[in-house]
N, C-alpha and C. Protein backbone atom coordinates (compact mmCIF):
# COMPACT_ATOMS: atom_id res chain seq x y z
N MET A 1 -11.20 -38.51 -38.80
CA MET A 1 -12.58 -38.15 -38.61
C MET A 1 -13.29 -39.09 -37.66
N ASP A 2 -12.92 -40.39 -37.72
CA ASP A 2 -13.51 -41.35 -36.80
C ASP A 2 -13.20 -40.97 -35.35
N PHE A 3 -12.00 -40.44 -35.14
CA PHE A 3 -11.61 -40.05 -33.80
C PHE A 3 -12.57 -38.99 -33.24
N PHE A 4 -12.93 -37.97 -34.07
CA PHE A 4 -13.83 -36.92 -33.63
C PHE A 4 -15.24 -37.45 -33.43
N ASN A 5 -15.70 -38.30 -34.33
CA ASN A 5 -17.04 -38.89 -34.17
C ASN A 5 -17.10 -39.75 -32.91
N ASN A 6 -16.05 -40.52 -32.68
CA ASN A 6 -16.00 -41.39 -31.51
C ASN A 6 -15.98 -40.55 -30.22
N CYS A 7 -15.19 -39.47 -30.20
CA CYS A 7 -15.14 -38.58 -29.03
C CYS A 7 -16.48 -37.89 -28.82
N HIS A 8 -17.11 -37.46 -29.90
CA HIS A 8 -18.41 -36.79 -29.79
C HIS A 8 -19.46 -37.75 -29.23
N ALA A 9 -19.44 -39.00 -29.66
CA ALA A 9 -20.40 -40.00 -29.16
C ALA A 9 -20.17 -40.24 -27.67
N LYS A 10 -18.91 -40.37 -27.25
CA LYS A 10 -18.60 -40.58 -25.84
C LYS A 10 -19.00 -39.36 -25.01
N TYR A 11 -18.73 -38.18 -25.53
CA TYR A 11 -19.09 -36.95 -24.85
C TYR A 11 -20.61 -36.85 -24.68
N THR A 12 -21.37 -37.16 -25.72
CA THR A 12 -22.83 -37.14 -25.67
C THR A 12 -23.34 -38.14 -24.64
N THR A 13 -22.79 -39.34 -24.63
CA THR A 13 -23.19 -40.37 -23.67
C THR A 13 -22.88 -39.90 -22.24
N LEU A 14 -21.73 -39.29 -22.04
CA LEU A 14 -21.35 -38.79 -20.73
C LEU A 14 -22.31 -37.69 -20.28
N LEU A 15 -22.67 -36.77 -21.17
CA LEU A 15 -23.61 -35.71 -20.82
C LEU A 15 -24.97 -36.29 -20.44
N LYS A 16 -25.44 -37.29 -21.17
CA LYS A 16 -26.72 -37.93 -20.85
C LYS A 16 -26.65 -38.57 -19.46
N ALA A 17 -25.56 -39.21 -19.14
CA ALA A 17 -25.40 -39.86 -17.84
C ALA A 17 -25.39 -38.81 -16.72
N ILE A 18 -24.71 -37.71 -16.96
CA ILE A 18 -24.66 -36.64 -15.95
C ILE A 18 -26.06 -36.05 -15.77
N LYS A 19 -26.77 -35.82 -16.86
CA LYS A 19 -28.12 -35.28 -16.77
C LYS A 19 -29.03 -36.24 -16.02
N MET A 20 -28.93 -37.54 -16.26
CA MET A 20 -29.76 -38.53 -15.58
C MET A 20 -29.44 -38.54 -14.09
N LYS A 21 -28.16 -38.48 -13.72
CA LYS A 21 -27.79 -38.43 -12.30
C LYS A 21 -28.34 -37.16 -11.66
N TYR A 22 -28.24 -36.04 -12.35
CA TYR A 22 -28.76 -34.78 -11.84
C TYR A 22 -30.27 -34.87 -11.62
N ILE A 23 -30.96 -35.40 -12.60
CA ILE A 23 -32.42 -35.56 -12.48
C ILE A 23 -32.74 -36.50 -11.33
N TYR A 24 -32.02 -37.59 -11.20
CA TYR A 24 -32.24 -38.55 -10.13
C TYR A 24 -32.02 -37.90 -8.75
N ILE A 25 -30.95 -37.13 -8.60
CA ILE A 25 -30.67 -36.44 -7.34
C ILE A 25 -31.76 -35.42 -7.04
N CYS A 26 -32.21 -34.70 -8.04
CA CYS A 26 -33.28 -33.73 -7.84
C CYS A 26 -34.57 -34.41 -7.39
N LEU A 27 -34.92 -35.52 -8.01
CA LEU A 27 -36.13 -36.25 -7.63
C LEU A 27 -36.04 -36.77 -6.19
N ILE A 28 -34.90 -37.31 -5.82
CA ILE A 28 -34.71 -37.78 -4.44
C ILE A 28 -34.85 -36.61 -3.47
N SER A 29 -34.26 -35.47 -3.80
CA SER A 29 -34.34 -34.29 -2.94
C SER A 29 -35.79 -33.83 -2.78
N ILE A 30 -36.52 -33.80 -3.86
CA ILE A 30 -37.93 -33.38 -3.82
C ILE A 30 -38.74 -34.35 -2.98
N LEU A 31 -38.54 -35.65 -3.17
CA LEU A 31 -39.27 -36.65 -2.37
C LEU A 31 -38.94 -36.51 -0.88
N PHE A 32 -37.68 -36.30 -0.56
CA PHE A 32 -37.28 -36.10 0.83
C PHE A 32 -37.96 -34.87 1.41
N TYR A 33 -37.96 -33.78 0.68
CA TYR A 33 -38.60 -32.54 1.12
C TYR A 33 -40.08 -32.75 1.37
N LEU A 34 -40.77 -33.40 0.44
CA LEU A 34 -42.20 -33.63 0.60
C LEU A 34 -42.49 -34.53 1.78
N THR A 35 -41.69 -35.54 1.99
CA THR A 35 -41.89 -36.43 3.13
C THR A 35 -41.65 -35.69 4.44
N ALA A 36 -40.62 -34.89 4.51
CA ALA A 36 -40.29 -34.17 5.73
C ALA A 36 -41.33 -33.11 6.07
N CYS A 37 -42.00 -32.56 5.09
CA CYS A 37 -42.96 -31.48 5.31
C CYS A 37 -44.40 -31.95 5.25
N SER A 38 -44.65 -33.24 5.34
CA SER A 38 -46.02 -33.72 5.16
C SER A 38 -46.81 -33.77 6.46
N GLY A 39 -46.21 -33.42 7.61
CA GLY A 39 -46.94 -33.45 8.88
C GLY A 39 -48.00 -32.37 8.93
N ASP A 40 -49.05 -32.60 9.78
CA ASP A 40 -50.08 -31.59 9.90
C ASP A 40 -49.75 -30.69 11.08
N SER A 41 -50.64 -29.72 11.36
CA SER A 41 -50.37 -28.76 12.42
C SER A 41 -51.26 -29.00 13.63
N SER A 42 -51.58 -30.26 13.91
CA SER A 42 -52.40 -30.55 15.07
C SER A 42 -51.57 -30.40 16.33
N SER A 43 -52.16 -30.76 17.47
CA SER A 43 -51.45 -30.67 18.74
C SER A 43 -50.58 -31.89 18.98
N SER A 44 -50.15 -32.54 17.94
CA SER A 44 -49.38 -33.78 18.08
C SER A 44 -48.06 -33.53 18.76
N THR A 45 -47.68 -34.45 19.62
CA THR A 45 -46.41 -34.37 20.30
C THR A 45 -45.96 -35.76 20.68
N GLU A 46 -44.68 -35.95 20.77
CA GLU A 46 -44.14 -37.24 21.19
C GLU A 46 -43.58 -37.16 22.60
N THR A 47 -43.59 -35.99 23.21
CA THR A 47 -42.90 -35.83 24.48
C THR A 47 -43.84 -35.67 25.66
N GLY A 48 -45.11 -35.52 25.48
CA GLY A 48 -46.00 -35.39 26.62
C GLY A 48 -47.13 -34.43 26.36
N TYR A 49 -47.72 -33.97 27.43
CA TYR A 49 -48.93 -33.17 27.37
C TYR A 49 -48.64 -31.73 26.96
N VAL A 50 -49.65 -31.06 26.46
CA VAL A 50 -49.54 -29.67 26.06
C VAL A 50 -49.28 -28.80 27.29
N ASP A 51 -48.43 -27.81 27.16
CA ASP A 51 -48.12 -26.88 28.24
C ASP A 51 -49.30 -25.94 28.46
N PRO A 52 -49.86 -25.92 29.68
CA PRO A 52 -51.01 -25.04 29.94
C PRO A 52 -50.70 -23.56 29.81
N TYR A 53 -49.42 -23.17 29.90
CA TYR A 53 -49.10 -21.77 29.70
C TYR A 53 -49.03 -21.51 28.22
N LEU A 54 -49.90 -20.65 27.78
CA LEU A 54 -50.07 -20.42 26.36
C LEU A 54 -49.11 -19.34 25.89
N THR A 55 -48.71 -19.46 24.63
CA THR A 55 -47.86 -18.44 24.05
C THR A 55 -48.63 -17.13 23.95
N SER A 56 -47.95 -16.05 23.74
CA SER A 56 -48.59 -14.73 23.80
C SER A 56 -49.76 -14.60 22.84
N GLU A 57 -49.68 -15.23 21.67
CA GLU A 57 -50.80 -15.10 20.73
C GLU A 57 -52.02 -15.91 21.17
N LYS A 58 -51.87 -16.78 22.19
CA LYS A 58 -52.98 -17.61 22.66
C LYS A 58 -53.52 -17.13 24.00
N THR A 59 -53.02 -16.05 24.55
CA THR A 59 -53.46 -15.60 25.87
C THR A 59 -54.51 -14.51 25.77
N VAL A 60 -55.39 -14.61 24.82
CA VAL A 60 -56.41 -13.60 24.63
C VAL A 60 -57.62 -13.80 25.53
N ALA A 61 -57.87 -15.03 25.96
CA ALA A 61 -59.06 -15.33 26.75
C ALA A 61 -58.82 -15.08 28.23
N LEU A 62 -59.88 -14.71 28.93
CA LEU A 62 -59.85 -14.63 30.38
C LEU A 62 -60.10 -16.03 30.91
N LYS A 63 -59.12 -16.59 31.61
CA LYS A 63 -59.19 -17.96 32.10
C LYS A 63 -59.15 -17.94 33.62
N SER A 64 -59.65 -19.00 34.26
CA SER A 64 -59.61 -19.07 35.71
C SER A 64 -59.80 -20.51 36.16
N TYR A 65 -59.52 -20.76 37.43
CA TYR A 65 -59.85 -22.06 38.02
C TYR A 65 -59.97 -21.94 39.53
N THR A 66 -60.84 -22.75 40.08
CA THR A 66 -60.97 -22.95 41.51
C THR A 66 -61.04 -24.45 41.71
N LEU A 67 -59.98 -25.00 42.30
CA LEU A 67 -59.87 -26.45 42.51
C LEU A 67 -59.40 -26.67 43.94
N GLY A 68 -60.34 -26.93 44.83
CA GLY A 68 -59.98 -27.07 46.24
C GLY A 68 -59.34 -25.79 46.73
N SER A 69 -58.14 -25.90 47.32
CA SER A 69 -57.44 -24.73 47.85
C SER A 69 -56.63 -23.98 46.79
N GLN A 70 -56.61 -24.49 45.57
CA GLN A 70 -55.85 -23.86 44.48
C GLN A 70 -56.79 -23.02 43.62
N SER A 71 -56.37 -21.82 43.27
CA SER A 71 -57.21 -20.99 42.42
C SER A 71 -56.38 -19.98 41.64
N CYS A 72 -56.98 -19.50 40.58
CA CYS A 72 -56.41 -18.43 39.77
C CYS A 72 -57.60 -17.60 39.31
N SER A 73 -57.63 -16.33 39.69
CA SER A 73 -58.77 -15.49 39.32
C SER A 73 -58.74 -15.18 37.83
N SER A 74 -59.86 -14.80 37.32
CA SER A 74 -60.05 -14.56 35.89
C SER A 74 -59.05 -13.55 35.35
N SER A 75 -58.15 -14.05 34.48
CA SER A 75 -57.17 -13.17 33.84
C SER A 75 -56.62 -13.85 32.59
N LYS A 76 -56.00 -13.06 31.75
CA LYS A 76 -55.38 -13.60 30.54
C LYS A 76 -54.14 -14.41 30.86
N SER A 77 -53.49 -14.12 31.98
CA SER A 77 -52.26 -14.83 32.32
C SER A 77 -52.50 -16.13 33.09
N CYS A 78 -53.72 -16.41 33.45
CA CYS A 78 -54.03 -17.65 34.17
C CYS A 78 -53.80 -18.84 33.24
N GLY A 79 -53.08 -19.84 33.70
CA GLY A 79 -52.77 -21.01 32.87
C GLY A 79 -53.88 -22.03 32.95
N ALA A 80 -54.79 -22.04 31.97
CA ALA A 80 -55.89 -23.00 31.94
C ALA A 80 -56.27 -23.27 30.48
N ILE A 81 -56.17 -24.55 30.07
CA ILE A 81 -56.50 -24.90 28.70
C ILE A 81 -57.38 -26.15 28.66
N ILE A 82 -58.07 -26.30 27.54
CA ILE A 82 -58.73 -27.55 27.18
C ILE A 82 -58.24 -27.86 25.78
N PHE A 83 -58.06 -29.13 25.49
CA PHE A 83 -57.57 -29.44 24.15
C PHE A 83 -58.15 -30.74 23.65
N GLN A 84 -58.17 -30.85 22.36
CA GLN A 84 -58.51 -32.09 21.64
C GLN A 84 -57.50 -32.17 20.53
N GLY A 85 -56.74 -33.26 20.52
CA GLY A 85 -55.71 -33.38 19.51
C GLY A 85 -55.06 -34.74 19.53
N THR A 86 -53.85 -34.81 19.02
CA THR A 86 -53.14 -36.08 18.89
C THR A 86 -51.94 -36.08 19.81
N LEU A 87 -51.77 -37.18 20.51
CA LEU A 87 -50.64 -37.38 21.39
C LEU A 87 -50.11 -38.77 21.10
N ASN A 88 -48.86 -38.86 20.64
CA ASN A 88 -48.26 -40.16 20.27
C ASN A 88 -49.15 -40.92 19.29
N ASP A 89 -49.66 -40.26 18.29
CA ASP A 89 -50.48 -40.83 17.22
C ASP A 89 -51.83 -41.35 17.69
N SER A 90 -52.31 -40.94 18.85
CA SER A 90 -53.64 -41.30 19.35
C SER A 90 -54.41 -40.03 19.64
N ASN A 91 -55.73 -40.06 19.42
CA ASN A 91 -56.57 -38.90 19.69
C ASN A 91 -56.89 -38.82 21.17
N TYR A 92 -56.72 -37.62 21.74
CA TYR A 92 -56.99 -37.38 23.15
C TYR A 92 -57.76 -36.09 23.34
N VAL A 93 -58.46 -36.03 24.47
CA VAL A 93 -59.13 -34.83 24.93
C VAL A 93 -58.63 -34.60 26.35
N GLY A 94 -58.46 -33.37 26.74
CA GLY A 94 -58.02 -33.13 28.10
C GLY A 94 -58.06 -31.67 28.48
N PHE A 95 -57.74 -31.42 29.74
CA PHE A 95 -57.64 -30.06 30.23
C PHE A 95 -56.52 -29.99 31.25
N ALA A 96 -56.02 -28.78 31.47
CA ALA A 96 -54.89 -28.61 32.37
C ALA A 96 -54.90 -27.20 32.93
N VAL A 97 -54.37 -27.09 34.15
CA VAL A 97 -54.14 -25.78 34.76
C VAL A 97 -52.71 -25.78 35.30
N ASP A 98 -52.18 -24.57 35.51
CA ASP A 98 -50.79 -24.47 35.89
C ASP A 98 -50.54 -23.09 36.48
N ASN A 99 -49.84 -23.03 37.61
CA ASN A 99 -49.47 -21.72 38.17
C ASN A 99 -47.97 -21.53 38.19
N TYR A 100 -47.22 -22.34 37.46
CA TYR A 100 -45.76 -22.31 37.52
C TYR A 100 -45.17 -20.92 37.26
N GLN A 101 -45.79 -20.14 36.43
CA GLN A 101 -45.21 -18.85 36.09
C GLN A 101 -45.65 -17.73 37.01
N SER A 102 -46.54 -18.01 37.95
CA SER A 102 -47.01 -16.96 38.83
C SER A 102 -46.28 -16.93 40.16
N GLY A 103 -45.31 -17.82 40.34
CA GLY A 103 -44.53 -17.83 41.57
C GLY A 103 -45.24 -18.59 42.68
N GLY A 104 -44.64 -18.58 43.85
CA GLY A 104 -45.24 -19.27 44.99
C GLY A 104 -45.09 -20.77 44.87
N SER A 105 -45.93 -21.50 45.58
CA SER A 105 -45.89 -22.96 45.57
C SER A 105 -46.34 -23.49 44.22
N LYS A 106 -45.57 -24.40 43.66
CA LYS A 106 -45.89 -24.91 42.33
C LYS A 106 -47.13 -25.78 42.36
N PHE A 107 -47.98 -25.59 41.35
CA PHE A 107 -49.20 -26.38 41.22
C PHE A 107 -49.55 -26.55 39.75
N SER A 108 -49.86 -27.77 39.36
CA SER A 108 -50.44 -28.02 38.04
C SER A 108 -51.31 -29.25 38.13
N LEU A 109 -52.30 -29.30 37.27
CA LEU A 109 -53.20 -30.44 37.17
C LEU A 109 -53.40 -30.71 35.68
N LYS A 110 -53.18 -31.94 35.28
CA LYS A 110 -53.36 -32.34 33.88
C LYS A 110 -54.23 -33.59 33.87
N ILE A 111 -55.30 -33.55 33.09
CA ILE A 111 -56.20 -34.69 32.95
C ILE A 111 -56.48 -34.88 31.47
N TYR A 112 -56.30 -36.09 30.96
CA TYR A 112 -56.64 -36.36 29.57
C TYR A 112 -57.06 -37.81 29.40
N TRP A 113 -57.78 -38.09 28.30
CA TRP A 113 -58.30 -39.42 28.02
C TRP A 113 -58.46 -39.59 26.52
N PRO A 114 -58.54 -40.84 26.04
CA PRO A 114 -58.74 -41.07 24.61
C PRO A 114 -60.08 -40.49 24.16
N GLY A 115 -60.08 -39.76 23.05
CA GLY A 115 -61.31 -39.19 22.53
C GLY A 115 -61.08 -38.41 21.27
N ASP A 116 -62.15 -38.28 20.48
CA ASP A 116 -62.07 -37.57 19.20
C ASP A 116 -62.64 -36.16 19.26
N SER A 117 -63.41 -35.86 20.32
CA SER A 117 -64.01 -34.53 20.41
C SER A 117 -64.23 -34.19 21.88
N ILE A 118 -64.43 -32.91 22.15
CA ILE A 118 -64.68 -32.46 23.51
C ILE A 118 -66.13 -32.80 23.84
N PRO A 119 -66.36 -33.63 24.87
CA PRO A 119 -67.73 -34.03 25.21
C PRO A 119 -68.43 -32.96 26.05
N SER A 120 -69.74 -33.11 26.22
CA SER A 120 -70.49 -32.18 27.07
C SER A 120 -70.41 -32.59 28.54
N SER A 121 -69.98 -33.82 28.80
CA SER A 121 -69.78 -34.26 30.18
C SER A 121 -68.83 -35.45 30.19
N ILE A 122 -68.22 -35.69 31.36
CA ILE A 122 -67.38 -36.86 31.54
C ILE A 122 -67.79 -37.56 32.83
N ASP A 123 -67.70 -38.87 32.82
CA ASP A 123 -68.01 -39.70 33.98
C ASP A 123 -66.98 -40.82 34.03
N ASN A 124 -65.87 -40.56 34.71
CA ASN A 124 -64.77 -41.51 34.78
C ASN A 124 -64.44 -42.07 33.39
N PRO A 125 -64.02 -41.22 32.44
CA PRO A 125 -63.76 -41.69 31.07
C PRO A 125 -62.71 -42.80 31.04
N ALA A 126 -62.96 -43.79 30.21
CA ALA A 126 -62.05 -44.94 30.09
C ALA A 126 -60.66 -44.47 29.71
N GLY A 127 -59.67 -45.01 30.40
CA GLY A 127 -58.28 -44.72 30.07
C GLY A 127 -57.80 -43.35 30.44
N TYR A 128 -58.50 -42.66 31.37
CA TYR A 128 -58.05 -41.31 31.67
C TYR A 128 -56.75 -41.32 32.49
N VAL A 129 -55.96 -40.28 32.28
CA VAL A 129 -54.69 -40.09 32.98
C VAL A 129 -54.80 -38.78 33.74
N ILE A 130 -54.36 -38.80 34.98
CA ILE A 130 -54.38 -37.58 35.79
C ILE A 130 -53.02 -37.41 36.45
N GLU A 131 -52.55 -36.19 36.47
CA GLU A 131 -51.28 -35.87 37.12
C GLU A 131 -51.42 -34.52 37.79
N ALA A 132 -51.10 -34.48 39.06
CA ALA A 132 -51.08 -33.22 39.80
C ALA A 132 -49.67 -33.01 40.35
N VAL A 133 -49.17 -31.80 40.23
CA VAL A 133 -47.90 -31.43 40.84
C VAL A 133 -48.25 -30.38 41.89
N ILE A 134 -47.98 -30.73 43.15
CA ILE A 134 -48.31 -29.84 44.25
C ILE A 134 -47.04 -29.61 45.06
N GLY A 135 -46.57 -28.36 45.04
CA GLY A 135 -45.35 -28.03 45.76
C GLY A 135 -44.13 -28.82 45.32
N GLY A 136 -44.10 -29.24 44.08
CA GLY A 136 -42.96 -29.98 43.56
C GLY A 136 -43.09 -31.49 43.61
N THR A 137 -44.13 -32.01 44.28
CA THR A 137 -44.36 -33.46 44.33
C THR A 137 -45.43 -33.83 43.31
N THR A 138 -45.17 -34.90 42.55
CA THR A 138 -46.09 -35.35 41.51
C THR A 138 -46.96 -36.49 42.04
N TYR A 139 -48.26 -36.38 41.80
CA TYR A 139 -49.24 -37.40 42.20
C TYR A 139 -49.97 -37.89 40.95
N THR A 140 -50.21 -39.19 40.87
CA THR A 140 -50.90 -39.75 39.70
C THR A 140 -52.00 -40.75 40.06
N SER A 141 -52.30 -40.93 41.34
CA SER A 141 -53.31 -41.90 41.76
C SER A 141 -54.45 -41.20 42.49
N PRO A 142 -55.53 -40.88 41.78
CA PRO A 142 -56.64 -40.18 42.42
C PRO A 142 -57.58 -41.14 43.16
N THR A 143 -58.34 -40.58 44.08
CA THR A 143 -59.45 -41.31 44.69
C THR A 143 -60.70 -40.48 44.43
N GLY A 144 -61.82 -41.15 44.32
CA GLY A 144 -63.07 -40.46 44.02
C GLY A 144 -63.43 -40.64 42.56
N ASN A 145 -64.26 -39.73 42.07
CA ASN A 145 -64.78 -39.85 40.71
C ASN A 145 -64.43 -38.63 39.87
N LEU A 146 -64.01 -38.89 38.65
CA LEU A 146 -63.77 -37.81 37.69
C LEU A 146 -65.07 -37.61 36.92
N LYS A 147 -65.87 -36.69 37.42
CA LYS A 147 -67.15 -36.37 36.78
C LYS A 147 -67.24 -34.86 36.63
N ALA A 148 -67.64 -34.43 35.44
CA ALA A 148 -67.74 -32.99 35.19
C ALA A 148 -68.63 -32.72 33.98
N THR A 149 -69.17 -31.51 33.92
CA THR A 149 -69.85 -31.04 32.71
C THR A 149 -68.89 -30.10 32.00
N ILE A 150 -69.00 -30.05 30.69
CA ILE A 150 -68.12 -29.19 29.89
C ILE A 150 -69.01 -28.40 28.95
N THR A 151 -68.99 -27.08 29.10
CA THR A 151 -69.82 -26.23 28.24
C THR A 151 -68.96 -25.20 27.55
N SER A 152 -69.34 -24.87 26.33
CA SER A 152 -68.62 -23.83 25.60
C SER A 152 -69.37 -22.51 25.77
N GLY A 153 -68.63 -21.43 25.76
CA GLY A 153 -69.21 -20.10 25.89
C GLY A 153 -68.18 -19.07 25.54
N THR A 154 -68.33 -17.89 26.09
CA THR A 154 -67.37 -16.81 25.86
C THR A 154 -67.05 -16.12 27.18
N ASP A 155 -65.87 -15.51 27.22
CA ASP A 155 -65.53 -14.72 28.40
C ASP A 155 -66.17 -13.34 28.26
N SER A 156 -65.91 -12.44 29.20
CA SER A 156 -66.55 -11.12 29.17
C SER A 156 -66.09 -10.27 27.99
N ASN A 157 -65.03 -10.69 27.31
CA ASN A 157 -64.56 -9.97 26.11
C ASN A 157 -65.03 -10.62 24.82
N GLY A 158 -65.86 -11.66 24.94
CA GLY A 158 -66.39 -12.33 23.75
C GLY A 158 -65.46 -13.38 23.16
N VAL A 159 -64.40 -13.77 23.88
CA VAL A 159 -63.47 -14.78 23.41
C VAL A 159 -63.97 -16.15 23.83
N ALA A 160 -63.91 -17.12 22.92
CA ALA A 160 -64.43 -18.47 23.19
C ALA A 160 -63.64 -19.15 24.30
N ILE A 161 -64.36 -19.72 25.26
CA ILE A 161 -63.76 -20.50 26.35
C ILE A 161 -64.64 -21.71 26.61
N TYR A 162 -64.12 -22.65 27.38
CA TYR A 162 -64.89 -23.80 27.86
C TYR A 162 -64.90 -23.75 29.38
N THR A 163 -66.04 -24.10 29.96
CA THR A 163 -66.15 -24.19 31.42
C THR A 163 -66.30 -25.65 31.80
N ILE A 164 -65.38 -26.12 32.62
CA ILE A 164 -65.40 -27.50 33.12
C ILE A 164 -65.84 -27.40 34.58
N THR A 165 -67.01 -27.92 34.90
CA THR A 165 -67.54 -27.86 36.26
C THR A 165 -67.58 -29.27 36.83
N PHE A 166 -66.84 -29.50 37.89
CA PHE A 166 -66.81 -30.82 38.52
C PHE A 166 -68.13 -31.08 39.23
N THR A 167 -68.63 -32.32 39.11
CA THR A 167 -69.92 -32.68 39.70
C THR A 167 -69.80 -33.76 40.76
N ASP A 168 -68.59 -34.10 41.18
CA ASP A 168 -68.35 -35.10 42.22
C ASP A 168 -67.00 -34.78 42.86
N SER A 169 -66.68 -35.48 43.91
CA SER A 169 -65.41 -35.26 44.62
C SER A 169 -64.29 -36.09 44.01
N LEU A 170 -63.11 -35.48 43.97
CA LEU A 170 -61.92 -36.14 43.44
C LEU A 170 -60.73 -35.65 44.26
N THR A 171 -59.94 -36.57 44.79
CA THR A 171 -58.77 -36.21 45.57
C THR A 171 -57.53 -36.79 44.91
N ILE A 172 -56.52 -35.96 44.80
CA ILE A 172 -55.23 -36.41 44.29
C ILE A 172 -54.16 -35.68 45.09
N GLY A 173 -53.35 -36.46 45.83
CA GLY A 173 -52.40 -35.86 46.76
C GLY A 173 -53.16 -35.05 47.80
N SER A 174 -52.75 -33.81 48.03
CA SER A 174 -53.45 -32.95 48.98
C SER A 174 -54.52 -32.08 48.31
N LEU A 175 -54.76 -32.28 47.04
CA LEU A 175 -55.76 -31.52 46.30
C LEU A 175 -57.12 -32.20 46.43
N ASN A 176 -58.08 -31.50 47.01
CA ASN A 176 -59.43 -32.04 47.17
C ASN A 176 -60.40 -31.23 46.32
N ILE A 177 -60.74 -31.78 45.16
CA ILE A 177 -61.70 -31.13 44.27
C ILE A 177 -63.08 -31.56 44.71
N VAL A 178 -64.01 -30.60 44.82
CA VAL A 178 -65.37 -30.90 45.23
C VAL A 178 -66.34 -30.49 44.14
N SER A 179 -67.56 -31.00 44.23
CA SER A 179 -68.61 -30.63 43.29
C SER A 179 -68.78 -29.12 43.29
N GLY A 180 -68.79 -28.53 42.11
CA GLY A 180 -68.90 -27.09 41.96
C GLY A 180 -67.58 -26.41 41.63
N ASP A 181 -66.45 -27.05 41.93
CA ASP A 181 -65.16 -26.49 41.51
C ASP A 181 -65.14 -26.41 39.99
N LYS A 182 -64.47 -25.41 39.45
CA LYS A 182 -64.50 -25.27 37.98
C LYS A 182 -63.23 -24.68 37.41
N ILE A 183 -63.13 -24.89 36.11
CA ILE A 183 -62.03 -24.36 35.29
C ILE A 183 -62.66 -23.64 34.11
N GLU A 184 -62.24 -22.41 33.86
CA GLU A 184 -62.61 -21.70 32.64
C GLU A 184 -61.36 -21.69 31.78
N ALA A 185 -61.40 -22.43 30.66
CA ALA A 185 -60.19 -22.71 29.90
C ALA A 185 -60.31 -22.25 28.45
N TYR A 186 -59.17 -21.89 27.91
CA TYR A 186 -59.04 -21.56 26.49
C TYR A 186 -58.81 -22.84 25.71
N ARG A 187 -59.44 -22.98 24.55
CA ARG A 187 -59.20 -24.18 23.73
C ARG A 187 -57.89 -24.03 23.00
N TYR A 188 -57.00 -24.95 23.26
CA TYR A 188 -55.67 -24.95 22.67
C TYR A 188 -55.71 -25.65 21.34
C-alpha cells in the first residue's frame, strides 16, 4: 500500500509541476503578445518620411501644387500631403509633394520640422529638413527663406484639405519657389 501512496504522491507532485510550467509559459506568451501589440497607430516610422502618394482609401481629396516650374492640377491622384506625427520617436510636422507615379521627369519635395501640431504659419522653423528630387538628383541645401501660411479648408467636394501658401522665395537645386506658390494637401 505504501508503494501506491508513494506513487500517487509523486504523480500529484509531477502534475502540479507540469501545471505550473504550463501556466508560466502561458503568462510569458501573453506578456510577449501584449508587448508586441502595444504600439499606437500614429504616423511613426523608423525608415524616413511619409510617402506623398496616398493609398486608395486616402485619395479622396482634390490635391494640387504649383511650385516654380513644377505643378500638378487639382485631382485626387495628385501626390500632396501634410502631416503631423512621429518620426523616430520625435514629433514632426511637414508636407510633401510627389509626381513619381505620373511619369515624366521625377520630382518630389519633402519639408518637415520638429513640432506637435500644424501651425498657421512657418518662418524658417528651427531644425527644418528639406529634400527635393528633381530629375533623379537629390538636393538638400536650400537658399532663401522657408516662409508660408497654412490654412485648413475643404476642396470642392467638401473633403478637408490644407493650403500651404509660400510667402517668400526659396530655391533648392533648380526649383525656384516664389511668394504665392502653393500646395493644396490632404492631411495624412
